PDB file of N, CA and C in Angstrom:
ATOM      1  N   MET A   1     -28.191  58.017  18.791  1.00  0.00           N
ATOM      2  CA  MET A   1     -27.901  59.400  18.736  1.00  0.00           C
ATOM      3  C   MET A   1     -28.612  60.388  18.704  1.00  0.00           C
ATOM      4  N   THR A   2     -29.598  60.105  17.495  1.00  0.00           N
ATOM      5  CA  THR A   2     -30.785  61.129  17.458  1.00  0.00           C
ATOM      6  C   THR A   2     -31.528  61.752  18.721  1.00  0.00           C
ATOM      7  N   GLU A   3     -32.007  60.665  19.175  1.00  0.00           N
ATOM      8  CA  GLU A   3     -32.616  61.141  20.474  1.00  0.00           C
ATOM      9  C   GLU A   3     -31.447  61.743  21.557  1.00  0.00           C
ATOM     10  N   TYR A   4     -30.634  61.010  22.019  1.00  0.00           N
ATOM     11  CA  TYR A   4     -29.795  61.888  22.693  1.00  0.00           C
ATOM     12  C   TYR A   4     -29.421  63.193  22.193  1.00  0.00           C
ATOM     13  N   LEU A   5     -28.878  63.634  21.159  1.00  0.00           N
ATOM     14  CA  LEU A   5     -28.956  64.828  20.456  1.00  0.00           C
ATOM     15  C   LEU A   5     -30.152  66.181  20.602  1.00  0.00           C
ATOM     16  N   ARG A   6     -31.352  65.323  20.335  1.00  0.00           N
ATOM     17  CA  ARG A   6     -32.363  66.289  20.474  1.00  0.00           C
ATOM     18  C   ARG A   6     -33.035  66.413  21.783  1.00  0.00           C
ATOM     19  N   GLY A   7     -32.439  65.300  23.197  1.00  0.00           N
ATOM     20  CA  GLY A   7     -32.458  65.629  24.514  1.00  0.00           C
ATOM     21  C   GLY A   7     -31.664  66.212  24.695  1.00  0.00           C
ATOM     22  N   LEU A   8     -30.398  66.701  24.487  1.00  0.00           N
ATOM     23  CA  LEU A   8     -29.463  67.557  25.199  1.00  0.00           C
ATOM     24  C   LEU A   8     -30.304  69.094  25.256  1.00  0.00           C
ATOM     25  N   GLY A   9     -30.122  69.367  26.779  1.00  0.00           N
ATOM     26  CA  GLY A   9     -30.741  70.510  27.204  1.00  0.00           C
ATOM     27  C   GLY A   9     -29.609  71.624  26.594  1.00  0.00           C
ATOM     28  N   SER A  10     -30.329  72.799  27.036  1.00  0.00           N
ATOM     29  CA  SER A  10     -29.203  74.122  26.749  1.00  0.00           C
ATOM     30  C   SER A  10     -29.060  74.693  28.649  1.00  0.00           C
ATOM     31  N   GLY A  11     -29.024  73.556  29.186  1.00  0.00           N
ATOM     32  CA  GLY A  11     -28.371  74.161  30.485  1.00  0.00           C
ATOM     33  C   GLY A  11     -26.645  74.052  30.333  1.00  0.00           C
ATOM     34  N   ARG A  12     -26.195  74.538  31.551  1.00  0.00           N
ATOM     35  CA  ARG A  12     -24.882  74.453  31.929  1.00  0.00           C
ATOM     36  C   ARG A  12     -24.469  73.257  31.903  1.00  0.00           C
ATOM     37  N   ARG A  13     -23.454  73.138  31.257  1.00  0.00           N
ATOM     38  CA  ARG A  13     -22.311  71.353  31.251  1.00  0.00           C
ATOM     39  C   ARG A  13     -20.880  71.350  32.257  1.00  0.00           C
ATOM     40  N   PRO A  14     -21.172  71.760  33.752  1.00  0.00           N
ATOM     41  CA  PRO A  14     -20.055  71.768  34.287  1.00  0.00           C
ATOM     42  C   PRO A  14     -18.733  71.112  33.664  1.00  0.00           C
ATOM     43  N   ASP A  15     -18.587  69.612  33.311  1.00  0.00           N
ATOM     44  CA  ASP A  15     -18.045  68.892  32.475  1.00  0.00           C
ATOM     45  C   ASP A  15     -17.389  69.394  31.614  1.00  0.00           C
ATOM     46  N   LEU A  16     -17.494  70.327  30.623  1.00  0.00           N
ATOM     47  CA  LEU A  16     -16.969  70.964  29.792  1.00  0.00           C
ATOM     48  C   LEU A  16     -16.227  72.051  29.963  1.00  0.00           C
ATOM     49  N   PRO A  17     -14.874  72.098  29.241  1.00  0.00           N
ATOM     50  CA  PRO A  17     -13.641  73.319  29.903  1.00  0.00           C
ATOM     51  C   PRO A  17     -14.701  74.538  29.744  1.00  0.00           C
ATOM     52  N   GLY A  18     -14.644  75.282  30.457  1.00  0.00           N
ATOM     53  CA  GLY A  18     -15.003  76.752  30.323  1.00  0.00           C
ATOM     54  C   GLY A  18     -14.213  77.592  29.344  1.00  0.00           C
ATOM     55  N   THR A  19     -12.988  77.135  28.812  1.00  0.00           N
ATOM     56  CA  THR A  19     -12.362  78.508  28.186  1.00  0.00           C
ATOM     57  C   THR A  19     -12.509  77.505  26.603  1.00  0.00           C
ATOM     58  N   THR A  20     -13.183  76.546  26.412  1.00  0.00           N
ATOM     59  CA  THR A  20     -13.379  75.995  25.075  1.00  0.00           C
ATOM     60  C   THR A  20     -14.902  76.273  24.353  1.00  0.00           C
ATOM     61  N   ASN A  21     -14.543  76.938  23.390  1.00  0.00           N
ATOM     62  CA  ASN A  21     -15.664  77.337  22.684  1.00  0.00           C
ATOM     63  C   ASN A  21     -15.560  77.152  21.190  1.00  0.00           C
ATOM     64  N   GLY A  22     -16.986  76.995  20.545  1.00  0.00           N
ATOM     65  CA  GLY A  22     -16.454  76.315  19.199  1.00  0.00           C
ATOM     66  C   GLY A  22     -17.935  75.800  18.430  1.00  0.00           C
ATOM     67  N   THR A  23     -17.890  75.543  17.558  1.00  0.00           N
ATOM     68  CA  THR A  23     -18.905  74.319  16.719  1.00  0.00           C
ATOM     69  C   THR A  23     -18.224  73.489  15.904  1.00  0.00           C
ATOM     70  N   LEU A  24     -19.134  72.314  15.782  1.00  0.00           N
ATOM     71  CA  LEU A  24     -18.906  70.646  15.760  1.00  0.00           C
ATOM     72  C   LEU A  24     -20.087  70.440  14.963  1.00  0.00           C
ATOM     73  N   ARG A  25     -19.631  70.053  13.588  1.00  0.00           N
ATOM     74  CA  ARG A  25     -20.799  69.497  12.748  1.00  0.00           C
ATOM     75  C   ARG A  25     -20.788  67.875  12.553  1.00  0.00           C
ATOM     76  N   LEU A  26     -21.602  67.429  12.670  1.00  0.00           N
ATOM     77  CA  LEU A  26     -21.782  65.670  12.900  1.00  0.00           C
ATOM     78  C   LEU A  26     -22.527  65.377  11.498  1.00  0.00           C
ATOM     79  N   ASP A  27     -21.852  64.639  10.670  1.00  0.00           N
ATOM     80  CA  ASP A  27     -22.274  64.460   9.513  1.00  0.00           C
ATOM     81  C   ASP A  27     -22.518  62.981   9.431  1.00  0.00           C
ATOM     82  N   VAL A  28     -23.708  62.511   9.754  1.00  0.00           N
ATOM     83  CA  VAL A  28     -24.014  61.177   9.945  1.00  0.00           C
ATOM     84  C   VAL A  28     -24.741  60.494   8.809  1.00  0.00           C
ATOM     85  N   ARG A  29     -23.943  59.600   8.130  1.00  0.00           N
ATOM     86  CA  ARG A  29     -24.047  58.867   6.765  1.00  0.00           C
ATOM     87  C   ARG A  29     -25.040  57.483   7.187  1.00  0.00           C
ATOM     88  N   GLU A  30     -25.655  57.470   6.365  1.00  0.00           N
ATOM     89  CA  GLU A  30     -26.576  56.441   5.846  1.00  0.00           C
ATOM     90  C   GLU A  30     -26.710  55.964   4.381  1.00  0.00           C
ATOM     91  N   VAL A  31     -27.324  54.782   4.386  1.00  0.00           N
ATOM     92  CA  VAL A  31     -27.069  54.581   2.534  1.00  0.00           C
ATOM     93  C   VAL A  31     -27.701  55.452   1.769  1.00  0.00           C
ATOM     94  N   GLY A  32     -27.073  56.117   0.837  1.00  0.00           N
ATOM     95  CA  GLY A  32     -27.710  56.876   0.473  1.00  0.00           C
ATOM     96  C   GLY A  32     -28.076  58.355   0.552  1.00  0.00           C
ATOM     97  N   SER A  33     -27.785  58.980   1.979  1.00  0.00           N
ATOM     98  CA  SER A  33     -28.157  60.442   2.514  1.00  0.00           C
ATOM     99  C   SER A  33     -27.354  60.660   3.459  1.00  0.00           C
ATOM    100  N   THR A  34     -27.118  61.711   3.890  1.00  0.00           N
ATOM    101  CA  THR A  34     -26.372  62.264   5.119  1.00  0.00           C
ATOM    102  C   THR A  34     -27.230  63.353   5.993  1.00  0.00           C
ATOM    103  N   GLU A  35     -27.066  62.903   7.193  1.00  0.00           N
ATOM    104  CA  GLU A  35     -27.681  63.827   8.294  1.00  0.00           C
ATOM    105  C   GLU A  35     -26.845  64.618   8.954  1.00  0.00           C
ATOM    106  N   HIS A  36     -27.390  66.039   8.755  1.00  0.00           N
ATOM    107  CA  HIS A  36     -26.159  66.968   9.425  1.00  0.00           C
ATOM    108  C   HIS A  36     -26.760  67.551  10.912  1.00  0.00           C
ATOM    109  N   TRP A  37     -26.001  67.299  12.017  1.00  0.00           N
ATOM    110  CA  TRP A  37     -25.900  68.090  13.095  1.00  0.00           C
ATOM    111  C   TRP A  37     -25.058  68.702  13.659  1.00  0.00           C
ATOM    112  N   TYR A  38     -25.405  70.292  14.046  1.00  0.00           N
ATOM    113  CA  TYR A  38     -24.726  71.151  14.109  1.00  0.00           C
ATOM    114  C   TYR A  38     -24.670  71.777  15.935  1.00  0.00           C
ATOM    115  N   LEU A  39     -23.583  71.507  16.417  1.00  0.00           N
ATOM    116  CA  LEU A  39     -23.389  71.742  18.130  1.00  0.00           C
ATOM    117  C   LEU A  39     -22.493  73.042  18.160  1.00  0.00           C
ATOM    118  N   THR A  40     -23.507  73.729  18.480  1.00  0.00           N
ATOM    119  CA  THR A  40     -22.230  75.170  18.955  1.00  0.00           C
ATOM    120  C   THR A  40     -22.138  75.195  20.800  1.00  0.00           C
ATOM    121  N   VAL A  41     -20.952  75.113  20.657  1.00  0.00           N
ATOM    122  CA  VAL A  41     -20.348  75.052  22.554  1.00  0.00           C
ATOM    123  C   VAL A  41     -19.893  76.540  22.804  1.00  0.00           C
ATOM    124  N   VAL A  42     -20.674  77.069  23.636  1.00  0.00           N
ATOM    125  CA  VAL A  42     -20.316  78.527  24.385  1.00  0.00           C
ATOM    126  C   VAL A  42     -20.310  78.305  26.171  1.00  0.00           C
ATOM    127  N   ASP A  43     -19.308  79.096  26.679  1.00  0.00           N
ATOM    128  CA  ASP A  43     -19.394  78.859  27.859  1.00  0.00           C
ATOM    129  C   ASP A  43     -20.075  77.812  28.837  1.00  0.00           C
ATOM    130  N   GLN A  44     -19.865  76.524  28.739  1.00  0.00           N
ATOM    131  CA  GLN A  44     -20.398  75.308  29.004  1.00  0.00           C
ATOM    132  C   GLN A  44     -21.531  74.969  28.710  1.00  0.00           C
ATOM    133  N   HIS A  45     -22.269  75.645  27.876  1.00  0.00           N
ATOM    134  CA  HIS A  45     -23.742  75.471  27.333  1.00  0.00           C
ATOM    135  C   HIS A  45     -23.354  74.959  25.738  1.00  0.00           C
ATOM    136  N   VAL A  46     -24.299  73.742  25.587  1.00  0.00           N
ATOM    137  CA  VAL A  46     -24.456  73.228  24.275  1.00  0.00           C
ATOM    138  C   VAL A  46     -25.957  73.396  23.536  1.00  0.00           C
ATOM    139  N   GLU A  47     -25.396  73.878  22.356  1.00  0.00           N
ATOM    140  CA  GLU A  47     -26.758  74.115  21.617  1.00  0.00           C
ATOM    141  C   GLU A  47     -26.830  73.315  20.523  1.00  0.00           C
ATOM    142  N   VAL A  48     -28.126  72.514  19.917  1.00  0.00           N
ATOM    143  CA  VAL A  48     -27.780  71.366  18.809  1.00  0.00           C
ATOM    144  C   VAL A  48     -29.128  71.771  18.136  1.00  0.00           C
ATOM    145  N   THR A  49     -28.437  72.083  16.428  1.00  0.00           N
ATOM    146  CA  THR A  49     -29.574  72.227  15.651  1.00  0.00           C
ATOM    147  C   THR A  49     -28.991  71.078  14.507  1.00  0.00           C
ATOM    148  N   ARG A  50     -30.080  71.832  13.519  1.00  0.00           N
ATOM    149  CA  ARG A  50     -29.954  70.894  12.093  1.00  0.00           C
ATOM    150  C   ARG A  50     -29.509  71.542  11.251  1.00  0.00           C
ATOM    151  N   SER A  51     -28.179  71.508  10.735  1.00  0.00           N
ATOM    152  CA  SER A  51     -27.631  72.474   9.596  1.00  0.00           C
ATOM    153  C   SER A  51     -26.572  71.876   8.868  1.00  0.00           C
ATOM    154  N   ASP A  52     -26.004  71.999   7.709  1.00  0.00           N
ATOM    155  CA  ASP A  52     -25.005  71.797   7.372  1.00  0.00           C
ATOM    156  C   ASP A  52     -24.103  73.061   7.212  1.00  0.00           C
ATOM    157  N   ASP A  53     -24.198  74.065   7.947  1.00  0.00           N
ATOM    158  CA  ASP A  53     -23.269  75.107   7.634  1.00  0.00           C
ATOM    159  C   ASP A  53     -21.758  74.608   8.173  1.00  0.00           C
ATOM    160  N   ASP A  54     -20.942  75.620   7.809  1.00  0.00           N
ATOM    161  CA  ASP A  54     -19.394  75.257   7.937  1.00  0.00           C
ATOM    162  C   ASP A  54     -19.206  75.202   9.588  1.00  0.00           C
ATOM    163  N   ALA A  55     -18.696  74.766  10.050  1.00  0.00           N
ATOM    164  CA  ALA A  55     -18.137  74.658  11.377  1.00  0.00           C
ATOM    165  C   ALA A  55     -16.676  74.314  11.551  1.00  0.00           C
ATOM    166  N   ASP A  56     -16.271  74.659  12.894  1.00  0.00           N
ATOM    167  CA  ASP A  56     -15.050  74.540  13.496  1.00  0.00           C
ATOM    168  C   ASP A  56     -14.150  72.948  13.225  1.00  0.00           C
ATOM    169  N   LEU A  57     -15.136  72.259  13.361  1.00  0.00           N
ATOM    170  CA  LEU A  57     -14.716  70.826  13.378  1.00  0.00           C
ATOM    171  C   LEU A  57     -15.929  69.894  12.952  1.00  0.00           C
ATOM    172  N   VAL A  58     -15.678  69.248  11.854  1.00  0.00           N
ATOM    173  CA  VAL A  58     -16.469  68.547  10.956  1.00  0.00           C
ATOM    174  C   VAL A  58     -15.950  67.155  11.228  1.00  0.00           C
ATOM    175  N   VAL A  59     -16.979  66.084  11.828  1.00  0.00           N
ATOM    176  CA  VAL A  59     -16.683  64.531  11.996  1.00  0.00           C
ATOM    177  C   VAL A  59     -17.950  64.101  11.005  1.00  0.00           C
ATOM    178  N   ARG A  60     -17.118  63.140  10.490  1.00  0.00           N
ATOM    179  CA  ARG A  60     -18.220  62.487   9.599  1.00  0.00           C
ATOM    180  C   ARG A  60     -18.154  60.800   9.799  1.00  0.00           C
ATOM    181  N   ALA A  61     -19.036  60.157   9.767  1.00  0.00           N
ATOM    182  CA  ALA A  61     -19.108  58.828  10.416  1.00  0.00           C
ATOM    183  C   ALA A  61     -20.438  58.071   9.781  1.00  0.00           C
ATOM    184  N   ASP A  62     -20.357  56.568  10.042  1.00  0.00           N
ATOM    185  CA  ASP A  62     -21.724  56.136   9.437  1.00  0.00           C
ATOM    186  C   ASP A  62     -22.352  56.310  11.082  1.00  0.00           C
ATOM    187  N   ARG A  63     -23.848  55.943  10.581  1.00  0.00           N
ATOM    188  CA  ARG A  63     -24.482  56.064  11.845  1.00  0.00           C
ATOM    189  C   ARG A  63     -24.287  55.013  12.857  1.00  0.00           C
ATOM    190  N   ARG A  64     -24.150  54.069  12.619  1.00  0.00           N
ATOM    191  CA  ARG A  64     -23.887  52.921  13.552  1.00  0.00           C
ATOM    192  C   ARG A  64     -22.659  53.520  14.347  1.00  0.00           C
ATOM    193  N   VAL A  65     -21.833  54.210  14.178  1.00  0.00           N
ATOM    194  CA  VAL A  65     -20.715  54.217  14.943  1.00  0.00           C
ATOM    195  C   VAL A  65     -21.018  55.208  15.666  1.00  0.00           C
ATOM    196  N   LEU A  66     -21.849  56.447  15.420  1.00  0.00           N
ATOM    197  CA  LEU A  66     -22.034  57.577  16.003  1.00  0.00           C
ATOM    198  C   LEU A  66     -22.919  57.107  16.944  1.00  0.00           C
ATOM    199  N   ASP A  67     -24.024  56.320  16.614  1.00  0.00           N
ATOM    200  CA  ASP A  67     -24.640  55.625  17.841  1.00  0.00           C
ATOM    201  C   ASP A  67     -23.967  54.852  18.697  1.00  0.00           C
ATOM    202  N   ARG A  68     -22.947  54.162  18.462  1.00  0.00           N
ATOM    203  CA  ARG A  68     -21.901  53.321  19.804  1.00  0.00           C
ATOM    204  C   ARG A  68     -21.208  54.441  20.605  1.00  0.00           C
ATOM    205  N   ILE A  69     -20.929  55.528  19.694  1.00  0.00           N
ATOM    206  CA  ILE A  69     -20.531  56.738  20.638  1.00  0.00           C
ATOM    207  C   ILE A  69     -21.278  57.425  21.516  1.00  0.00           C
ATOM    208  N   ALA A  70     -22.528  57.803  20.977  1.00  0.00           N
ATOM    209  CA  ALA A  70     -23.477  58.087  21.802  1.00  0.00           C
ATOM    210  C   ALA A  70     -24.329  57.287  22.784  1.00  0.00           C
ATOM    211  N   ALA A  71     -23.907  55.906  22.809  1.00  0.00           N
ATOM    212  CA  ALA A  71     -24.302  54.579  23.747  1.00  0.00           C
ATOM    213  C   ALA A  71     -23.267  54.710  24.531  1.00  0.00           C
ATOM    214  N   GLY A  72     -22.238  55.395  24.281  1.00  0.00           N
ATOM    215  CA  GLY A  72     -21.119  55.189  25.500  1.00  0.00           C
ATOM    216  C   GLY A  72     -20.527  53.920  25.006  1.00  0.00           C
ATOM    217  N   ARG A  73     -20.761  53.047  24.215  1.00  0.00           N
ATOM    218  CA  ARG A  73     -20.006  51.675  23.869  1.00  0.00           C
ATOM    219  C   ARG A  73     -18.800  51.844  23.179  1.00  0.00           C
ATOM    220  N   ILE A  74     -18.139  53.237  22.676  1.00  0.00           N
ATOM    221  CA  ILE A  74     -16.753  53.025  22.102  1.00  0.00           C
ATOM    222  C   ILE A  74     -16.781  54.841  22.438  1.00  0.00           C
ATOM    223  N   HIS A  75     -15.482  55.066  22.506  1.00  0.00           N
ATOM    224  CA  HIS A  75     -14.713  56.431  22.937  1.00  0.00           C
ATOM    225  C   HIS A  75     -14.446  56.765  21.322  1.00  0.00           C
ATOM    226  N   PRO A  76     -14.546  58.068  21.269  1.00  0.00           N
ATOM    227  CA  PRO A  76     -14.493  58.708  19.794  1.00  0.00           C
ATOM    228  C   PRO A  76     -13.343  58.433  19.135  1.00  0.00           C
ATOM    229  N   ALA A  77     -11.996  58.645  20.105  1.00  0.00           N
ATOM    230  CA  ALA A  77     -10.822  58.665  19.819  1.00  0.00           C
ATOM    231  C   ALA A  77     -10.680  57.027  19.296  1.00  0.00           C
ATOM    232  N   THR A  78     -11.111  56.285  20.115  1.00  0.00           N
ATOM    233  CA  THR A  78     -11.057  54.944  19.558  1.00  0.00           C
ATOM    234  C   THR A  78     -11.386  54.893  18.082  1.00  0.00           C
ATOM    235  N   ALA A  79     -12.830  55.197  17.730  1.00  0.00           N
ATOM    236  CA  ALA A  79     -13.250  55.310  16.536  1.00  0.00           C
ATOM    237  C   ALA A  79     -12.421  55.874  15.461  1.00  0.00           C
ATOM    238  N   LEU A  80     -11.921  56.945  15.837  1.00  0.00           N
ATOM    239  CA  LEU A  80     -11.147  57.254  15.043  1.00  0.00           C
ATOM    240  C   LEU A  80      -9.456  56.576  14.612  1.00  0.00           C
ATOM    241  N   MET A  81      -9.326  56.247  15.716  1.00  0.00           N
ATOM    242  CA  MET A  81      -8.172  55.220  15.536  1.00  0.00           C
ATOM    243  C   MET A  81      -8.126  54.199  14.772  1.00  0.00           C
ATOM    244  N   ARG A  82      -9.458  53.582  14.831  1.00  0.00           N
ATOM    245  CA  ARG A  82      -9.931  52.686  13.840  1.00  0.00           C
ATOM    246  C   ARG A  82     -10.369  52.880  12.664  1.00  0.00           C
ATOM    247  N   ASN A  83     -10.368  53.732  12.083  1.00  0.00           N
ATOM    248  CA  ASN A  83     -10.839  55.038  10.849  1.00  0.00           C
ATOM    249  C   ASN A  83     -12.064  54.425  10.806  1.00  0.00           C
ATOM    250  N   GLU A  84     -12.888  54.624  11.596  1.00  0.00           N
ATOM    251  CA  GLU A  84     -14.164  54.465  11.762  1.00  0.00           C
ATOM    252  C   GLU A  84     -15.102  55.913  11.347  1.00  0.00           C
ATOM    253  N   LEU A  85     -13.994  56.776  11.948  1.00  0.00           N
ATOM    254  CA  LEU A  85     -14.833  58.193  11.188  1.00  0.00           C
ATOM    255  C   LEU A  85     -13.610  59.006  11.121  1.00  0.00           C
ATOM    256  N   THR A  86     -13.702  60.211  10.385  1.00  0.00           N
ATOM    257  CA  THR A  86     -13.013  61.161   9.734  1.00  0.00           C
ATOM    258  C   THR A  86     -13.100  62.740  10.687  1.00  0.00           C
ATOM    259  N   VAL A  87     -11.952  63.134  11.097  1.00  0.00           N
ATOM    260  CA  VAL A  87     -12.185  64.409  11.247  1.00  0.00           C
ATOM    261  C   VAL A  87     -11.160  65.533  10.706  1.00  0.00           C
ATOM    262  N   ARG A  88     -12.121  66.914  10.418  1.00  0.00           N
ATOM    263  CA  ARG A  88     -11.562  67.786   9.681  1.00  0.00           C
ATOM    264  C   ARG A  88     -11.518  69.017  10.337  1.00  0.00           C
ATOM    265  N   GLY A  89     -10.945  69.705  10.746  1.00  0.00           N
ATOM    266  CA  GLY A  89     -10.933  71.478  11.738  1.00  0.00           C
ATOM    267  C   GLY A  89     -10.099  70.923  13.022  1.00  0.00           C
ATOM    268  N   ASP A  90     -10.380  71.868  14.013  1.00  0.00           N
ATOM    269  CA  ASP A  90      -9.910  72.070  15.240  1.00  0.00           C
ATOM    270  C   ASP A  90     -10.171  70.766  16.234  1.00  0.00           C
ATOM    271  N   PHE A  91      -8.839  70.139  16.433  1.00  0.00           N
ATOM    272  CA  PHE A  91      -8.975  69.007  16.381  1.00  0.00           C
ATOM    273  C   PHE A  91      -9.224  68.926  17.980  1.00  0.00           C
ATOM    274  N   ARG A  92      -9.152  69.878  18.875  1.00  0.00           N
ATOM    275  CA  ARG A  92      -9.010  70.052  20.263  1.00  0.00           C
ATOM    276  C   ARG A  92     -10.962  70.211  20.807  1.00  0.00           C
ATOM    277  N   LEU A  93     -11.763  70.791  19.766  1.00  0.00           N
ATOM    278  CA  LEU A  93     -12.914  70.331  19.489  1.00  0.00           C
ATOM    279  C   LEU A  93     -13.198  68.565  19.704  1.00  0.00           C
ATOM    280  N   PHE A  94     -12.705  68.013  18.962  1.00  0.00           N
ATOM    281  CA  PHE A  94     -13.011  66.799  18.886  1.00  0.00           C
ATOM    282  C   PHE A  94     -12.943  66.015  20.286  1.00  0.00           C
ATOM    283  N   MET A  95     -12.324  66.365  21.214  1.00  0.00           N
ATOM    284  CA  MET A  95     -11.895  65.672  22.289  1.00  0.00           C
ATOM    285  C   MET A  95     -13.256  65.962  22.930  1.00  0.00           C
ATOM    286  N   LEU A  96     -13.705  67.074  23.132  1.00  0.00           N
ATOM    287  CA  LEU A  96     -15.365  67.339  23.800  1.00  0.00           C
ATOM    288  C   LEU A  96     -16.346  66.450  23.356  1.00  0.00           C
ATOM    289  N   LEU A  97     -16.081  65.501  22.497  1.00  0.00           N
ATOM    290  CA  LEU A  97     -17.210  64.624  22.039  1.00  0.00           C
ATOM    291  C   LEU A  97     -17.480  64.112  23.505  1.00  0.00           C
ATOM    292  N   ARG A  98     -16.141  63.291  23.793  1.00  0.00           N
ATOM    293  CA  ARG A  98     -16.088  62.433  24.810  1.00  0.00           C
ATOM    294  C   ARG A  98     -16.918  62.955  26.160  1.00  0.00           C
ATOM    295  N   ARG A  99     -16.795  64.171  26.417  1.00  0.00           N
ATOM    296  CA  ARG A  99     -17.685  64.920  27.409  1.00  0.00           C
ATOM    297  C   ARG A  99     -19.108  65.205  27.320  1.00  0.00           C
ATOM    298  N   ILE A 100     -19.558  65.682  26.003  1.00  0.00           N
ATOM    299  CA  ILE A 100     -20.971  65.808  25.641  1.00  0.00           C
ATOM    300  C   ILE A 100     -21.778  64.461  25.331  1.00  0.00           C
ATOM    301  N   PHE A 101     -20.890  62.934  25.128  1.00  0.00           N
ATOM    302  CA  PHE A 101     -21.745  62.134  24.989  1.00  0.00           C
ATOM    303  C   PHE A 101     -21.490  61.484  26.036  1.00  0.00           C
ATOM    304  N   PRO A 102     -22.606  60.725  26.477  1.00  0.00           N
ATOM    305  CA  PRO A 102     -22.436  59.659  27.913  1.00  0.00           C
ATOM    306  C   PRO A 102     -20.849  58.841  27.798  1.00  0.00           C
ATOM    307  N   GLY A 103     -20.310  58.376  28.941  1.00  0.00           N
ATOM    308  CA  GLY A 103     -19.257  57.067  29.057  1.00  0.00           C
ATOM    309  C   GLY A 103     -20.212  56.190  29.009  1.00  0.00           C
ATOM    310  N   PRO A 104     -19.481  54.706  29.252  1.00  0.00           N
ATOM    311  CA  PRO A 104     -19.756  53.457  29.480  1.00  0.00           C
ATOM    312  C   PRO A 104     -20.955  53.498  30.318  1.00  0.00           C
ATOM    313  N   PRO A 105     -22.161  52.615  29.821  1.00  0.00           N
ATOM    314  CA  PRO A 105     -23.400  52.442  30.840  1.00  0.00           C
ATOM    315  C   PRO A 105     -22.617  51.837  32.325  1.00  0.00           C
ATOM    316  N   ASP A 106     -21.837  51.339  32.471  1.00  0.00           N
ATOM    317  CA  ASP A 106     -21.315  50.763  33.636  1.00  0.00           C
ATOM    318  C   ASP A 106     -20.493  51.398  34.455  1.00  0.00           C
ATOM    319  N   ALA A 107     -19.795  52.747  33.686  1.00  0.00           N
ATOM    320  CA  ALA A 107     -18.845  53.402  34.381  1.00  0.00           C
ATOM    321  C   ALA A 107     -19.209  54.036  35.303  1.00  0.00           C
ATOM    322  N   ARG A 108     -18.259  54.263  36.534  1.00  0.00           N
ATOM    323  CA  ARG A 108     -18.747  54.937  37.695  1.00  0.00           C
ATOM    324  C   ARG A 108     -17.349  56.202  37.848  1.00  0.00           C
ATOM    325  N   HIS A 109     -17.762  57.037  38.722  1.00  0.00           N
ATOM    326  CA  HIS A 109     -17.079  58.426  38.869  1.00  0.00           C
ATOM    327  C   HIS A 109     -15.562  57.342  39.886  1.00  0.00           C
ATOM    328  N   PRO A 110     -14.339  57.920  39.506  1.00  0.00           N
ATOM    329  CA  PRO A 110     -13.545  57.906  40.402  1.00  0.00           C
ATOM    330  C   PRO A 110     -13.722  57.598  41.754  1.00  0.00           C
ATOM    331  N   ARG A 111     -14.151  58.780  42.138  1.00  0.00           N
ATOM    332  CA  ARG A 111     -14.703  58.852  43.545  1.00  0.00           C
ATOM    333  C   ARG A 111     -15.818  57.962  44.376  1.00  0.00           C
ATOM    334  N   GLU A 112     -16.582  57.769  43.339  1.00  0.00           N
ATOM    335  CA  GLU A 112     -17.516  56.918  43.817  1.00  0.00           C
ATOM    336  C   GLU A 112     -16.934  55.514  44.032  1.00  0.00           C
ATOM    337  N   ALA A 113     -16.327  55.062  42.807  1.00  0.00           N
ATOM    338  CA  ALA A 113     -15.771  53.861  42.959  1.00  0.00           C
ATOM    339  C   ALA A 113     -14.706  53.316  44.446  1.00  0.00           C
ATOM    340  N   ALA A 114     -14.001  54.689  44.837  1.00  0.00           N
ATOM    341  CA  ALA A 114     -13.242  54.587  45.831  1.00  0.00           C
ATOM    342  C   ALA A 114     -14.066  54.418  47.228  1.00  0.00           C
ATOM    343  N   ARG A 115     -14.943  55.423  47.255  1.00  0.00           N
ATOM    344  CA  ARG A 115     -15.717  55.321  48.190  1.00  0.00           C
ATOM    345  C   ARG A 115     -16.806  53.659  48.594  1.00  0.00           C
ATOM    346  N   GLY A 116     -16.814  53.015  47.269  1.00  0.00           N
ATOM    347  CA  GLY A 116     -17.442  51.717  47.495  1.00  0.00           C
ATOM    348  C   GLY A 116     -16.348  50.822  48.248  1.00  0.00           C
ATOM    349  N   GLU A 117     -15.108  50.890  47.626  1.00  0.00           N
ATOM    350  CA  GLU A 117     -14.032  50.074  48.255  1.00  0.00           C
ATOM    351  C   GLU A 117     -13.393  50.251  49.546  1.00  0.00           C
ATOM    352  N   ASP A 118     -14.115  51.534  49.707  1.00  0.00           N
ATOM    353  CA  ASP A 118     -13.763  51.755  51.534  1.00  0.00           C
ATOM    354  C   ASP A 118     -14.637  51.251  52.309  1.00  0.00           C
ATOM    355  N   ALA A 119     -16.075  51.178  51.746  1.00  0.00           N
ATOM    356  CA  ALA A 119     -16.829  50.253  52.280  1.00  0.00           C
ATOM    357  C   ALA A 119     -16.870  48.747  52.643  1.00  0.00           C
ATOM    358  N   HIS A 120     -16.194  48.186  51.590  1.00  0.00           N
ATOM    359  CA  HIS A 120     -15.831  46.589  51.668  1.00  0.00           C
ATOM    360  C   HIS A 120     -14.484  46.609  52.720  1.00  0.00           C
ATOM    361  N   ARG A 121     -13.893  47.540  53.148  1.00  0.00           N
ATOM    362  CA  ARG A 121     -12.543  47.292  53.911  1.00  0.00           C
ATOM    363  C   ARG A 121     -12.858  46.965  55.378  1.00  0.00           C
TER     364      ARG A 121
END
């Protein structure tokens, strides 16, 4: 997760809704410490800094859970339902996590999958 967040560019992210803006703080717990990542989402851009400032949404989880989300191995909503993370604040921002982090490594866009099926007919 750390490498992924550090590698997020400040370029435009067309997969993010243009009307959703806000701040998210990820509190990453490890034995004896908590690491804070602060994401600012404005006009389909994501800026990542390290801060424990107040945010519109705060997500708290163990590092292993957030690493799995960042690798696309678990959906953030699934982790929430399994009680593997907690959320406080503007819940609509929570749904942005699935767009900020990558999907499953073997996932394909539905259009690509449909084109692949057409080629086999």
